[in-house]
């Protein structure tokens, strides 16, 4: 199988989709080495594309194409995570952020208390 835009798709992903058009959520979670709940959260947050299959009397389930997985793998890299973390840290350094009903601020490290001279152990 050849995906022109994502030639760097890992062989394990290509092998998993061999002779199949879609994989289920548990199969993709195992393939990406992540928890099922984490993968569901990423679907809800729009970080990975998935399709709902099934309707009516049968249980609905998530299904993924090789393009969905390839786009996800191509779009996730450490520089994006690092950039978003530094942006968040910079925003928190300016002051508290309002997230819903919570105010979020960066905790400052505590200073160690200085010991009084009379409380120090005396060397013999």
PDB file of N, CA and C in Angstrom:
ATOM      1  N   UNK A   1       0.841  -1.172   0.000  1.00  0.00           N
ATOM      2  CA  UNK A   1       0.000   0.000   0.000  1.00  0.00           C
ATOM      3  C   UNK A   1       0.886   1.234   0.000  1.00  0.00           C
ATOM      4  N   UNK A   2       0.575   2.211  -0.838  1.00  0.00           N
ATOM      5  CA  UNK A   2       1.400   3.416  -0.956  1.00  0.00           C
ATOM      6  C   UNK A   2       0.567   4.646  -0.641  1.00  0.00           C
ATOM      7  N   UNK A   3       1.066   5.461   0.287  1.00  0.00           N
ATOM      8  CA  UNK A   3       0.409   6.716   0.633  1.00  0.00           C
ATOM      9  C   UNK A   3       1.360   7.832   0.216  1.00  0.00           C
ATOM     10  N   UNK A   4       1.076   8.550  -0.855  1.00  0.00           N
ATOM     11  CA  UNK A   4       2.024   9.512  -1.394  1.00  0.00           C
ATOM     12  C   UNK A   4       2.441  10.605  -0.419  1.00  0.00           C
ATOM     13  N   UNK A   5       1.509  11.141   0.366  1.00  0.00           N
ATOM     14  CA  UNK A   5       1.853  12.246   1.267  1.00  0.00           C
ATOM     15  C   UNK A   5       2.616  11.800   2.501  1.00  0.00           C
ATOM     16  N   UNK A   6       2.498  10.540   2.865  1.00  0.00           N
ATOM     17  CA  UNK A   6       3.092  10.060   4.105  1.00  0.00           C
ATOM     18  C   UNK A   6       3.960   8.832   3.853  1.00  0.00           C
ATOM     19  N   UNK A   7       5.015   9.021   3.100  1.00  0.00           N
ATOM     20  CA  UNK A   7       5.911   7.906   2.801  1.00  0.00           C
ATOM     21  C   UNK A   7       6.655   7.416   4.027  1.00  0.00           C
ATOM     22  N   UNK A   8       6.685   8.233   5.086  1.00  0.00           N
ATOM     23  CA  UNK A   8       7.406   7.842   6.297  1.00  0.00           C
ATOM     24  C   UNK A   8       6.542   7.044   7.273  1.00  0.00           C
ATOM     25  N   UNK A   9       5.391   6.548   6.820  1.00  0.00           N
ATOM     26  CA  UNK A   9       4.530   5.730   7.673  1.00  0.00           C
ATOM     27  C   UNK A   9       5.283   4.456   8.066  1.00  0.00           C
ATOM     28  N   UNK A  10       5.338   4.149   9.377  1.00  0.00           N
ATOM     29  CA  UNK A  10       6.096   2.974   9.824  1.00  0.00           C
ATOM     30  C   UNK A  10       5.582   1.670   9.206  1.00  0.00           C
ATOM     31  N   UNK A  11       6.497   0.742   9.035  1.00  0.00           N
ATOM     32  CA  UNK A  11       6.163  -0.559   8.463  1.00  0.00           C
ATOM     33  C   UNK A  11       5.138  -1.298   9.313  1.00  0.00           C
ATOM     34  N   UNK A  12       5.192  -1.128  10.631  1.00  0.00           N
ATOM     35  CA  UNK A  12       4.228  -1.817  11.509  1.00  0.00           C
ATOM     36  C   UNK A  12       2.805  -1.372  11.203  1.00  0.00           C
ATOM     37  N   UNK A  13       2.629  -0.092  10.895  1.00  0.00           N
ATOM     38  CA  UNK A  13       1.299   0.427  10.547  1.00  0.00           C
ATOM     39  C   UNK A  13       0.866  -0.144   9.200  1.00  0.00           C
ATOM     40  N   UNK A  14       1.765  -0.128   8.239  1.00  0.00           N
ATOM     41  CA  UNK A  14       1.436  -0.674   6.918  1.00  0.00           C
ATOM     42  C   UNK A  14       1.076  -2.164   7.019  1.00  0.00           C
ATOM     43  N   UNK A  15       1.821  -2.897   7.833  1.00  0.00           N
ATOM     44  CA  UNK A  15       1.564  -4.331   7.995  1.00  0.00           C
ATOM     45  C   UNK A  15       0.216  -4.572   8.669  1.00  0.00           C
ATOM     46  N   UNK A  16      -0.132  -3.734   9.641  1.00  0.00           N
ATOM     47  CA  UNK A  16      -1.408  -3.901  10.349  1.00  0.00           C
ATOM     48  C   UNK A  16      -2.595  -3.691   9.408  1.00  0.00           C
ATOM     49  N   UNK A  17      -2.438  -2.805   8.426  1.00  0.00           N
ATOM     50  CA  UNK A  17      -3.522  -2.516   7.493  1.00  0.00           C
ATOM     51  C   UNK A  17      -3.462  -3.377   6.227  1.00  0.00           C
ATOM     52  N   UNK A  18      -2.521  -4.309   6.166  1.00  0.00           N
ATOM     53  CA  UNK A  18      -2.420  -5.166   4.978  1.00  0.00           C
ATOM     54  C   UNK A  18      -3.721  -5.936   4.788  1.00  0.00           C
ATOM     55  N   UNK A  19      -4.302  -5.826   3.610  1.00  0.00           N
ATOM     56  CA  UNK A  19      -5.550  -6.515   3.241  1.00  0.00           C
ATOM     57  C   UNK A  19      -6.751  -6.061   4.073  1.00  0.00           C
ATOM     58  N   UNK A  20      -6.660  -4.923   4.751  1.00  0.00           N
ATOM     59  CA  UNK A  20      -7.792  -4.400   5.538  1.00  0.00           C
ATOM     60  C   UNK A  20      -7.951  -2.922   5.240  1.00  0.00           C
ATOM     61  N   UNK A  21      -9.186  -2.457   5.210  1.00  0.00           N
ATOM     62  CA  UNK A  21      -9.411  -1.034   4.967  1.00  0.00           C
ATOM     63  C   UNK A  21      -9.512  -0.257   6.266  1.00  0.00           C
ATOM     64  N   UNK A  22      -9.962  -0.914   7.336  1.00  0.00           N
ATOM     65  CA  UNK A  22     -10.134  -0.230   8.616  1.00  0.00           C
ATOM     66  C   UNK A  22      -9.709  -1.126   9.771  1.00  0.00           C
ATOM     67  N   UNK A  23      -9.297  -0.464  10.874  1.00  0.00           N
ATOM     68  CA  UNK A  23      -8.993  -1.157  12.123  1.00  0.00           C
ATOM     69  C   UNK A  23      -9.870  -0.581  13.212  1.00  0.00           C
ATOM     70  N   UNK A  24     -10.157  -1.392  14.231  1.00  0.00           N
ATOM     71  CA  UNK A  24     -10.992  -0.951  15.353  1.00  0.00           C
ATOM     72  C   UNK A  24     -10.166  -0.138  16.356  1.00  0.00           C
ATOM     73  N   UNK A  25     -10.846   0.493  17.286  1.00  0.00           N
ATOM     74  CA  UNK A  25     -10.174   1.288  18.306  1.00  0.00           C
ATOM     75  C   UNK A  25      -9.195   0.451  19.127  1.00  0.00           C
ATOM     76  N   UNK A  26      -9.559  -0.735  19.616  1.00  0.00           N
ATOM     77  CA  UNK A  26      -8.584  -1.529  20.365  1.00  0.00           C
ATOM     78  C   UNK A  26      -7.350  -1.911  19.545  1.00  0.00           C
ATOM     79  N   UNK A  27      -7.558  -2.189  18.258  1.00  0.00           N
ATOM     80  CA  UNK A  27      -6.427  -2.555  17.400  1.00  0.00           C
ATOM     81  C   UNK A  27      -5.482  -1.371  17.187  1.00  0.00           C
ATOM     82  N   UNK A  28      -6.046  -0.177  16.964  1.00  0.00           N
ATOM     83  CA  UNK A  28      -5.218   1.016  16.752  1.00  0.00           C
ATOM     84  C   UNK A  28      -4.534   1.421  18.051  1.00  0.00           C
ATOM     85  N   UNK A  29      -5.226   1.291  19.170  1.00  0.00           N
ATOM     86  CA  UNK A  29      -4.603   1.612  20.462  1.00  0.00           C
ATOM     87  C   UNK A  29      -3.391   0.712  20.703  1.00  0.00           C
ATOM     88  N   UNK A  30      -3.525  -0.552  20.398  1.00  0.00           N
ATOM     89  CA  UNK A  30      -2.400  -1.481  20.557  1.00  0.00           C
ATOM     90  C   UNK A  30      -1.279  -1.140  19.575  1.00  0.00           C
ATOM     91  N   UNK A  31      -1.642  -0.797  18.347  1.00  0.00           N
ATOM     92  CA  UNK A  31      -0.680  -0.440  17.317  1.00  0.00           C
ATOM     93  C   UNK A  31       0.116   0.812  17.709  1.00  0.00           C
ATOM     94  N   UNK A  32      -0.582   1.809  18.289  1.00  0.00           N
ATOM     95  CA  UNK A  32       0.068   3.061  18.689  1.00  0.00           C
ATOM     96  C   UNK A  32       0.638   3.000  20.107  1.00  0.00           C
ATOM     97  N   UNK A  33       0.469   1.847  20.749  1.00  0.00           N
ATOM     98  CA  UNK A  33       0.963   1.625  22.111  1.00  0.00           C
ATOM     99  C   UNK A  33       0.439   2.677  23.087  1.00  0.00           C
ATOM    100  N   UNK A  34      -0.895   2.805  23.095  1.00  0.00           N
ATOM    101  CA  UNK A  34      -1.526   3.725  24.033  1.00  0.00           C
ATOM    102  C   UNK A  34      -2.799   3.104  24.592  1.00  0.00           C
ATOM    103  N   UNK A  35      -3.268   3.670  25.677  1.00  0.00           N
ATOM    104  CA  UNK A  35      -4.474   3.183  26.322  1.00  0.00           C
ATOM    105  C   UNK A  35      -5.696   3.528  25.466  1.00  0.00           C
ATOM    106  N   UNK A  36      -6.713   2.698  25.518  1.00  0.00           N
ATOM    107  CA  UNK A  36      -7.934   2.945  24.749  1.00  0.00           C
ATOM    108  C   UNK A  36      -8.586   4.264  25.137  1.00  0.00           C
ATOM    109  N   UNK A  37      -8.598   4.564  26.439  1.00  0.00           N
ATOM    110  CA  UNK A  37      -9.217   5.814  26.895  1.00  0.00           C
ATOM    111  C   UNK A  37      -8.473   7.029  26.345  1.00  0.00           C
ATOM    112  N   UNK A  38      -7.150   6.938  26.290  1.00  0.00           N
ATOM    113  CA  UNK A  38      -6.348   8.033  25.738  1.00  0.00           C
ATOM    114  C   UNK A  38      -6.694   8.246  24.275  1.00  0.00           C
ATOM    115  N   UNK A  39      -6.827   7.160  23.534  1.00  0.00           N
ATOM    116  CA  UNK A  39      -7.178   7.256  22.120  1.00  0.00           C
ATOM    117  C   UNK A  39      -8.580   7.852  21.952  1.00  0.00           C
ATOM    118  N   UNK A  40      -9.527   7.449  22.787  1.00  0.00           N
ATOM    119  CA  UNK A  40     -10.874   8.032  22.730  1.00  0.00           C
ATOM    120  C   UNK A  40     -10.823   9.534  23.007  1.00  0.00           C
ATOM    121  N   UNK A  41     -10.037   9.935  24.002  1.00  0.00           N
ATOM    122  CA  UNK A  41      -9.905  11.370  24.308  1.00  0.00           C
ATOM    123  C   UNK A  41      -9.314  12.129  23.131  1.00  0.00           C
ATOM    124  N   UNK A  42      -8.366  11.527  22.436  1.00  0.00           N
ATOM    125  CA  UNK A  42      -7.767  12.187  21.283  1.00  0.00           C
ATOM    126  C   UNK A  42      -8.757  12.304  20.130  1.00  0.00           C
ATOM    127  N   UNK A  43      -9.668  11.362  20.008  1.00  0.00           N
ATOM    128  CA  UNK A  43     -10.736  11.461  19.002  1.00  0.00           C
ATOM    129  C   UNK A  43     -11.631  12.643  19.339  1.00  0.00           C
ATOM    130  N   UNK A  44     -12.043  12.714  20.595  1.00  0.00           N
ATOM    131  CA  UNK A  44     -12.934  13.794  21.040  1.00  0.00           C
ATOM    132  C   UNK A  44     -12.274  15.158  20.872  1.00  0.00           C
ATOM    133  N   UNK A  45     -10.970  15.239  21.150  1.00  0.00           N
ATOM    134  CA  UNK A  45     -10.232  16.503  21.032  1.00  0.00           C
ATOM    135  C   UNK A  45      -9.854  16.836  19.597  1.00  0.00           C
ATOM    136  N   UNK A  46     -10.130  15.943  18.654  1.00  0.00           N
ATOM    137  CA  UNK A  46      -9.833  16.196  17.255  1.00  0.00           C
ATOM    138  C   UNK A  46      -8.385  15.971  16.877  1.00  0.00           C
ATOM    139  N   UNK A  47      -7.632  15.276  17.720  1.00  0.00           N
ATOM    140  CA  UNK A  47      -6.220  15.028  17.436  1.00  0.00           C
ATOM    141  C   UNK A  47      -6.027  13.889  16.442  1.00  0.00           C
ATOM    142  N   UNK A  48      -7.010  13.012  16.345  1.00  0.00           N
ATOM    143  CA  UNK A  48      -6.970  11.913  15.380  1.00  0.00           C
ATOM    144  C   UNK A  48      -8.373  11.736  14.807  1.00  0.00           C
ATOM    145  N   UNK A  49      -8.437  11.417  13.536  1.00  0.00           N
ATOM    146  CA  UNK A  49      -9.725  11.227  12.860  1.00  0.00           C
ATOM    147  C   UNK A  49     -10.159   9.769  12.977  1.00  0.00           C
ATOM    148  N   UNK A  50     -11.443   9.574  13.203  1.00  0.00           N
ATOM    149  CA  UNK A  50     -12.008   8.224  13.263  1.00  0.00           C
ATOM    150  C   UNK A  50     -13.453   8.287  12.769  1.00  0.00           C
ATOM    151  N   UNK A  51     -13.981   7.134  12.423  1.00  0.00           N
ATOM    152  CA  UNK A  51     -15.363   7.051  11.950  1.00  0.00           C
ATOM    153  C   UNK A  51     -16.161   6.148  12.873  1.00  0.00           C
ATOM    154  N   UNK A  52     -17.392   6.545  13.135  1.00  0.00           N
ATOM    155  CA  UNK A  52     -18.285   5.687  13.918  1.00  0.00           C
ATOM    156  C   UNK A  52     -18.930   4.683  12.980  1.00  0.00           C
ATOM    157  N   UNK A  53     -18.856   3.418  13.337  1.00  0.00           N
ATOM    158  CA  UNK A  53     -19.471   2.359  12.541  1.00  0.00           C
ATOM    159  C   UNK A  53     -20.564   1.713  13.374  1.00  0.00           C
ATOM    160  N   UNK A  54     -21.563   1.253  12.698  1.00  0.00           N
ATOM    161  CA  UNK A  54     -22.674   0.598  13.377  1.00  0.00           C
ATOM    162  C   UNK A  54     -23.750   1.599  13.729  1.00  0.00           C
ATOM    163  N   UNK A  55     -24.960   1.145  13.741  1.00  0.00           N
ATOM    164  CA  UNK A  55     -26.082   2.010  14.080  1.00  0.00           C
ATOM    165  C   UNK A  55     -27.255   1.139  14.492  1.00  0.00           C
ATOM    166  N   UNK A  56     -28.212   1.752  15.108  1.00  0.00           N
ATOM    167  CA  UNK A  56     -29.425   1.027  15.454  1.00  0.00           C
ATOM    168  C   UNK A  56     -29.248   0.081  16.619  1.00  0.00           C
ATOM    169  N   UNK A  57     -29.565  -1.200  16.417  1.00  0.00           N
ATOM    170  CA  UNK A  57     -29.575  -2.156  17.505  1.00  0.00           C
ATOM    171  C   UNK A  57     -28.184  -2.624  17.918  1.00  0.00           C
ATOM    172  N   UNK A  58     -27.206  -2.542  17.004  1.00  0.00           N
ATOM    173  CA  UNK A  58     -25.853  -2.985  17.359  1.00  0.00           C
ATOM    174  C   UNK A  58     -25.071  -1.834  17.976  1.00  0.00           C
ATOM    175  N   UNK A  59     -24.055  -2.198  18.704  1.00  0.00           N
ATOM    176  CA  UNK A  59     -23.236  -1.197  19.379  1.00  0.00           C
ATOM    177  C   UNK A  59     -22.382  -0.427  18.369  1.00  0.00           C
ATOM    178  N   UNK A  60     -22.327   0.891  18.531  1.00  0.00           N
ATOM    179  CA  UNK A  60     -21.500   1.710  17.648  1.00  0.00           C
ATOM    180  C   UNK A  60     -20.055   1.609  18.103  1.00  0.00           C
ATOM    181  N   UNK A  61     -19.137   1.660  17.141  1.00  0.00           N
ATOM    182  CA  UNK A  61     -17.720   1.539  17.476  1.00  0.00           C
ATOM    183  C   UNK A  61     -16.902   2.431  16.542  1.00  0.00           C
ATOM    184  N   UNK A  62     -15.709   2.796  17.007  1.00  0.00           N
ATOM    185  CA  UNK A  62     -14.806   3.634  16.226  1.00  0.00           C
ATOM    186  C   UNK A  62     -13.993   2.774  15.279  1.00  0.00           C
ATOM    187  N   UNK A  63     -13.764   3.286  14.058  1.00  0.00           N
ATOM    188  CA  UNK A  63     -12.928   2.607  13.071  1.00  0.00           C
ATOM    189  C   UNK A  63     -11.975   3.631  12.452  1.00  0.00           C
ATOM    190  N   UNK A  64     -10.773   3.177  12.106  1.00  0.00           N
ATOM    191  CA  UNK A  64      -9.722   4.043  11.574  1.00  0.00           C
ATOM    192  C   UNK A  64      -9.219   3.504  10.248  1.00  0.00           C
ATOM    193  N   UNK A  65      -8.923   4.402   9.305  1.00  0.00           N
ATOM    194  CA  UNK A  65      -8.272   4.018   8.060  1.00  0.00           C
ATOM    195  C   UNK A  65      -6.771   4.235   8.226  1.00  0.00           C
ATOM    196  N   UNK A  66      -5.995   3.724   7.292  1.00  0.00           N
ATOM    197  CA  UNK A  66      -4.545   3.918   7.357  1.00  0.00           C
ATOM    198  C   UNK A  66      -4.199   5.406   7.219  1.00  0.00           C
ATOM    199  N   UNK A  67      -5.003   6.143   6.463  1.00  0.00           N
ATOM    200  CA  UNK A  67      -4.775   7.578   6.312  1.00  0.00           C
ATOM    201  C   UNK A  67      -4.966   8.299   7.638  1.00  0.00           C
ATOM    202  N   UNK A  68      -5.973   7.905   8.419  1.00  0.00           N
ATOM    203  CA  UNK A  68      -6.200   8.499   9.737  1.00  0.00           C
ATOM    204  C   UNK A  68      -4.971   8.329  10.624  1.00  0.00           C
ATOM    205  N   UNK A  69      -4.459   7.106  10.671  1.00  0.00           N
ATOM    206  CA  UNK A  69      -3.310   6.797  11.528  1.00  0.00           C
ATOM    207  C   UNK A  69      -2.054   7.491  11.010  1.00  0.00           C
ATOM    208  N   UNK A  70      -1.863   7.504   9.689  1.00  0.00           N
ATOM    209  CA  UNK A  70      -0.682   8.142   9.099  1.00  0.00           C
ATOM    210  C   UNK A  70      -0.689   9.645   9.364  1.00  0.00           C
ATOM    211  N   UNK A  71      -1.860  10.290   9.220  1.00  0.00           N
ATOM    212  CA  UNK A  71      -1.958  11.731   9.506  1.00  0.00           C
ATOM    213  C   UNK A  71      -1.641  12.009  10.968  1.00  0.00           C
ATOM    214  N   UNK A  72      -2.156  11.165  11.837  1.00  0.00           N
ATOM    215  CA  UNK A  72      -1.880  11.340  13.275  1.00  0.00           C
ATOM    216  C   UNK A  72      -0.389  11.224  13.561  1.00  0.00           C
ATOM    217  N   UNK A  73       0.241  10.183  13.030  1.00  0.00           N
ATOM    218  CA  UNK A  73       1.668   9.986  13.264  1.00  0.00           C
ATOM    219  C   UNK A  73       2.496  11.090  12.625  1.00  0.00           C
ATOM    220  N   UNK A  74       2.076  11.568  11.478  1.00  0.00           N
ATOM    221  CA  UNK A  74       2.803  12.634  10.789  1.00  0.00           C
ATOM    222  C   UNK A  74       2.648  13.961  11.532  1.00  0.00           C
ATOM    223  N   UNK A  75       1.501  14.156  12.174  1.00  0.00           N
ATOM    224  CA  UNK A  75       1.223  15.423  12.855  1.00  0.00           C
ATOM    225  C   UNK A  75       1.751  15.514  14.271  1.00  0.00           C
ATOM    226  N   UNK A  76       2.116  14.405  14.873  1.00  0.00           N
ATOM    227  CA  UNK A  76       2.616  14.439  16.241  1.00  0.00           C
ATOM    228  C   UNK A  76       4.122  14.326  16.223  1.00  0.00           C
ATOM    229  N   UNK A  77       4.754  15.349  16.747  1.00  0.00           N
ATOM    230  CA  UNK A  77       6.192  15.279  16.945  1.00  0.00           C
ATOM    231  C   UNK A  77       6.552  16.077  18.182  1.00  0.00           C
ATOM    232  N   UNK A  78       7.715  15.872  18.696  1.00  0.00           N
ATOM    233  CA  UNK A  78       8.092  16.473  19.975  1.00  0.00           C
ATOM    234  C   UNK A  78       8.215  17.982  19.895  1.00  0.00           C
ATOM    235  N   UNK A  79       8.546  18.534  18.732  1.00  0.00           N
ATOM    236  CA  UNK A  79       8.689  19.985  18.651  1.00  0.00           C
ATOM    237  C   UNK A  79       7.347  20.677  18.866  1.00  0.00           C
ATOM    238  N   UNK A  80       6.233  20.066  18.370  1.00  0.00           N
ATOM    239  CA  UNK A  80       4.913  20.639  18.611  1.00  0.00           C
ATOM    240  C   UNK A  80       4.588  20.635  20.094  1.00  0.00           C
ATOM    241  N   UNK A  81       4.881  19.519  20.764  1.00  0.00           N
ATOM    242  CA  UNK A  81       4.612  19.408  22.190  1.00  0.00           C
ATOM    243  C   UNK A  81       5.468  20.412  22.961  1.00  0.00           C
ATOM    244  N   UNK A  82       6.749  20.485  22.616  1.00  0.00           N
ATOM    245  CA  UNK A  82       7.664  21.396  23.290  1.00  0.00           C
ATOM    246  C   UNK A  82       7.220  22.839  23.093  1.00  0.00           C
ATOM    247  N   UNK A  83       6.816  23.198  21.852  1.00  0.00           N
ATOM    248  CA  UNK A  83       6.381  24.552  21.549  1.00  0.00           C
ATOM    249  C   UNK A  83       5.130  24.906  22.356  1.00  0.00           C
ATOM    250  N   UNK A  84       4.169  23.990  22.433  1.00  0.00           N
ATOM    251  CA  UNK A  84       2.941  24.277  23.169  1.00  0.00           C
ATOM    252  C   UNK A  84       3.216  24.381  24.666  1.00  0.00           C
ATOM    253  N   UNK A  85       4.147  23.561  25.181  1.00  0.00           N
ATOM    254  CA  UNK A  85       4.487  23.643  26.602  1.00  0.00           C
ATOM    255  C   UNK A  85       5.130  24.983  26.933  1.00  0.00           C
ATOM    256  N   UNK A  86       6.087  25.419  26.093  1.00  0.00           N
ATOM    257  CA  UNK A  86       6.756  26.686  26.356  1.00  0.00           C
ATOM    258  C   UNK A  86       5.785  27.857  26.223  1.00  0.00           C
ATOM    259  N   UNK A  87       4.847  27.768  25.298  1.00  0.00           N
ATOM    260  CA  UNK A  87       3.825  28.805  25.167  1.00  0.00           C
ATOM    261  C   UNK A  87       2.948  28.870  26.406  1.00  0.00           C
ATOM    262  N   UNK A  88       2.586  27.718  26.954  1.00  0.00           N
ATOM    263  CA  UNK A  88       1.781  27.674  28.163  1.00  0.00           C
ATOM    264  C   UNK A  88       2.558  28.211  29.356  1.00  0.00           C
ATOM    265  N   UNK A  89       3.829  27.824  29.457  1.00  0.00           N
ATOM    266  CA  UNK A  89       4.661  28.307  30.557  1.00  0.00           C
ATOM    267  C   UNK A  89       4.816  29.822  30.490  1.00  0.00           C
ATOM    268  N   UNK A  90       4.986  30.362  29.287  1.00  0.00           N
ATOM    269  CA  UNK A  90       5.110  31.818  29.131  1.00  0.00           C
ATOM    270  C   UNK A  90       3.814  32.520  29.522  1.00  0.00           C
ATOM    271  N   UNK A  91       2.677  31.951  29.129  1.00  0.00           N
ATOM    272  CA  UNK A  91       1.385  32.543  29.489  1.00  0.00           C
ATOM    273  C   UNK A  91       1.162  32.510  30.999  1.00  0.00           C
ATOM    274  N   UNK A  92       1.539  31.409  31.633  1.00  0.00           N
ATOM    275  CA  UNK A  92       1.383  31.300  33.083  1.00  0.00           C
ATOM    276  C   UNK A  92       2.332  32.235  33.817  1.00  0.00           C
ATOM    277  N   UNK A  93       3.490  32.516  33.241  1.00  0.00           N
ATOM    278  CA  UNK A  93       4.447  33.422  33.875  1.00  0.00           C
ATOM    279  C   UNK A  93       3.910  34.851  33.904  1.00  0.00           C
ATOM    280  N   UNK A  94       3.061  35.205  32.937  1.00  0.00           N
ATOM    281  CA  UNK A  94       2.484  36.555  32.890  1.00  0.00           C
ATOM    282  C   UNK A  94       1.412  36.755  33.957  1.00  0.00           C
ATOM    283  N   UNK A  95       0.821  35.693  34.435  1.00  0.00           N
ATOM    284  CA  UNK A  95      -0.227  35.812  35.441  1.00  0.00           C
ATOM    285  C   UNK A  95      -1.154  34.616  35.370  1.00  0.00           C
ATOM    286  N   UNK A  96      -2.165  34.564  36.244  1.00  0.00           N
ATOM    287  CA  UNK A  96      -3.066  33.408  36.248  1.00  0.00           C
ATOM    288  C   UNK A  96      -3.912  33.343  34.974  1.00  0.00           C
ATOM    289  N   UNK A  97      -4.150  32.118  34.525  1.00  0.00           N
ATOM    290  CA  UNK A  97      -5.024  31.885  33.377  1.00  0.00           C
ATOM    291  C   UNK A  97      -6.401  31.495  33.873  1.00  0.00           C
ATOM    292  N   UNK A  98      -7.422  31.891  33.170  1.00  0.00           N
ATOM    293  CA  UNK A  98      -8.789  31.529  33.514  1.00  0.00           C
ATOM    294  C   UNK A  98      -9.183  30.336  32.667  1.00  0.00           C
ATOM    295  N   UNK A  99      -9.373  29.168  33.298  1.00  0.00           N
ATOM    296  CA  UNK A  99      -9.820  27.960  32.617  1.00  0.00           C
ATOM    297  C   UNK A  99     -11.170  27.569  33.193  1.00  0.00           C
ATOM    298  N   UNK A 100     -12.215  27.919  32.478  1.00  0.00           N
ATOM    299  CA  UNK A 100     -13.557  27.659  33.002  1.00  0.00           C
ATOM    300  C   UNK A 100     -13.778  28.490  34.251  1.00  0.00           C
ATOM    301  N   UNK A 101     -13.991  27.829  35.377  1.00  0.00           N
ATOM    302  CA  UNK A 101     -14.203  28.539  36.641  1.00  0.00           C
ATOM    303  C   UNK A 101     -12.940  28.570  37.487  1.00  0.00           C
ATOM    304  N   UNK A 102     -11.846  27.999  36.969  1.00  0.00           N
ATOM    305  CA  UNK A 102     -10.615  27.929  37.759  1.00  0.00           C
ATOM    306  C   UNK A 102      -9.610  28.975  37.298  1.00  0.00           C
ATOM    307  N   UNK A 103      -8.840  29.476  38.248  1.00  0.00           N
ATOM    308  CA  UNK A 103      -7.688  30.305  37.940  1.00  0.00           C
ATOM    309  C   UNK A 103      -6.453  29.432  38.091  1.00  0.00           C
ATOM    310  N   UNK A 104      -5.652  29.348  37.052  1.00  0.00           N
ATOM    311  CA  UNK A 104      -4.469  28.494  37.067  1.00  0.00           C
ATOM    312  C   UNK A 104      -3.242  29.388  37.096  1.00  0.00           C
ATOM    313  N   UNK A 105      -2.334  29.120  38.018  1.00  0.00           N
ATOM    314  CA  UNK A 105      -1.093  29.888  38.081  1.00  0.00           C
ATOM    315  C   UNK A 105       0.068  28.943  38.318  1.00  0.00           C
ATOM    316  N   UNK A 106       1.248  29.396  37.961  1.00  0.00           N
ATOM    317  CA  UNK A 106       2.456  28.617  38.112  1.00  0.00           C
ATOM    318  C   UNK A 106       2.903  28.676  39.567  1.00  0.00           C
ATOM    319  N   UNK A 107       3.148  27.523  40.163  1.00  0.00           N
ATOM    320  CA  UNK A 107       3.599  27.485  41.552  1.00  0.00           C
ATOM    321  C   UNK A 107       5.075  27.873  41.614  1.00  0.00           C
ATOM    322  N   UNK A 108       5.408  28.709  42.576  1.00  0.00           N
ATOM    323  CA  UNK A 108       6.805  29.099  42.761  1.00  0.00           C
ATOM    324  C   UNK A 108       7.461  28.136  43.730  1.00  0.00           C
ATOM    325  N   UNK A 109       8.731  27.822  43.489  1.00  0.00           N
ATOM    326  CA  UNK A 109       9.413  26.913  44.417  1.00  0.00           C
ATOM    327  C   UNK A 109       9.546  27.547  45.797  1.00  0.00           C
ATOM    328  N   UNK A 110       9.404  26.719  46.810  1.00  0.00           N
ATOM    329  CA  UNK A 110       9.518  27.226  48.181  1.00  0.00           C
ATOM    330  C   UNK A 110      10.975  27.399  48.550  1.00  0.00           C
ATOM    331  N   UNK A 111      11.236  28.438  49.322  1.00  0.00           N
ATOM    332  CA  UNK A 111      12.592  28.658  49.804  1.00  0.00           C
ATOM    333  C   UNK A 111      12.801  27.861  51.072  1.00  0.00           C
ATOM    334  N   UNK A 112      14.016  27.383  51.230  1.00  0.00           N
ATOM    335  CA  UNK A 112      14.338  26.664  52.460  1.00  0.00           C
ATOM    336  C   UNK A 112      14.508  27.674  53.577  1.00  0.00           C
ATOM    337  N   UNK A 113      13.950  27.339  54.709  1.00  0.00           N
ATOM    338  CA  UNK A 113      14.063  28.237  55.860  1.00  0.00           C
ATOM    339  C   UNK A 113      15.497  28.203  56.386  1.00  0.00           C
ATOM    340  N   UNK A 114      15.966  29.371  56.768  1.00  0.00           N
ATOM    341  CA  UNK A 114      17.314  29.438  57.344  1.00  0.00           C
ATOM    342  C   UNK A 114      17.245  28.999  58.797  1.00  0.00           C
ATOM    343  N   UNK A 115      18.243  28.207  59.198  1.00  0.00           N
ATOM    344  CA  UNK A 115      18.276  27.726  60.575  1.00  0.00           C
ATOM    345  C   UNK A 115      18.911  28.793  61.460  1.00  0.00           C
ATOM    346  N   UNK A 116      18.373  28.926  62.639  1.00  0.00           N
ATOM    347  CA  UNK A 116      18.947  29.860  63.603  1.00  0.00           C
ATOM    348  C   UNK A 116      20.278  29.299  64.105  1.00  0.00           C
ATOM    349  N   UNK A 117      21.205  30.176  64.463  1.00  0.00           N
ATOM    350  CA  UNK A 117      22.531  29.746  64.904  1.00  0.00           C
ATOM    351  C   UNK A 117      22.477  28.806  66.095  1.00  0.00           C
ATOM    352  N   UNK A 118      21.590  29.018  67.016  1.00  0.00           N
ATOM    353  CA  UNK A 118      21.529  28.199  68.218  1.00  0.00           C
ATOM    354  C   UNK A 118      20.999  26.799  67.957  1.00  0.00           C
ATOM    355  N   UNK A 119      20.311  26.590  66.815  1.00  0.00           N
ATOM    356  CA  UNK A 119      19.718  25.291  66.514  1.00  0.00           C
ATOM    357  C   UNK A 119      20.632  24.382  65.695  1.00  0.00           C
ATOM    358  N   UNK A 120      21.722  24.914  65.213  1.00  0.00           N
ATOM    359  CA  UNK A 120      22.630  24.093  64.412  1.00  0.00           C
ATOM    360  C   UNK A 120      23.376  23.116  65.294  1.00  0.00           C
ATOM    361  N   UNK A 121      23.675  21.978  64.720  1.00  0.00           N
ATOM    362  CA  UNK A 121      24.468  20.986  65.443  1.00  0.00           C
ATOM    363  C   UNK A 121      25.898  21.490  65.552  1.00  0.00           C
ATOM    364  N   UNK A 122      26.437  21.326  66.685  1.00  0.00           N
ATOM    365  CA  UNK A 122      27.814  21.774  66.872  1.00  0.00           C
ATOM    366  C   UNK A 122      28.749  20.632  66.565  1.00  0.00           C
ATOM    367  N   UNK A 123      29.815  20.963  65.820  1.00  0.00           N
ATOM    368  CA  UNK A 123      30.802  19.950  65.474  1.00  0.00           C
ATOM    369  C   UNK A 123      31.737  19.762  66.643  1.00  0.00           C
ATOM    370  N   UNK A 124      32.066  18.538  66.955  1.00  0.00           N
ATOM    371  CA  UNK A 124      32.960  18.264  68.080  1.00  0.00           C
ATOM    372  C   UNK A 124      34.358  18.037  67.603  1.00  0.00           C
TER     373      UNK A 124
END
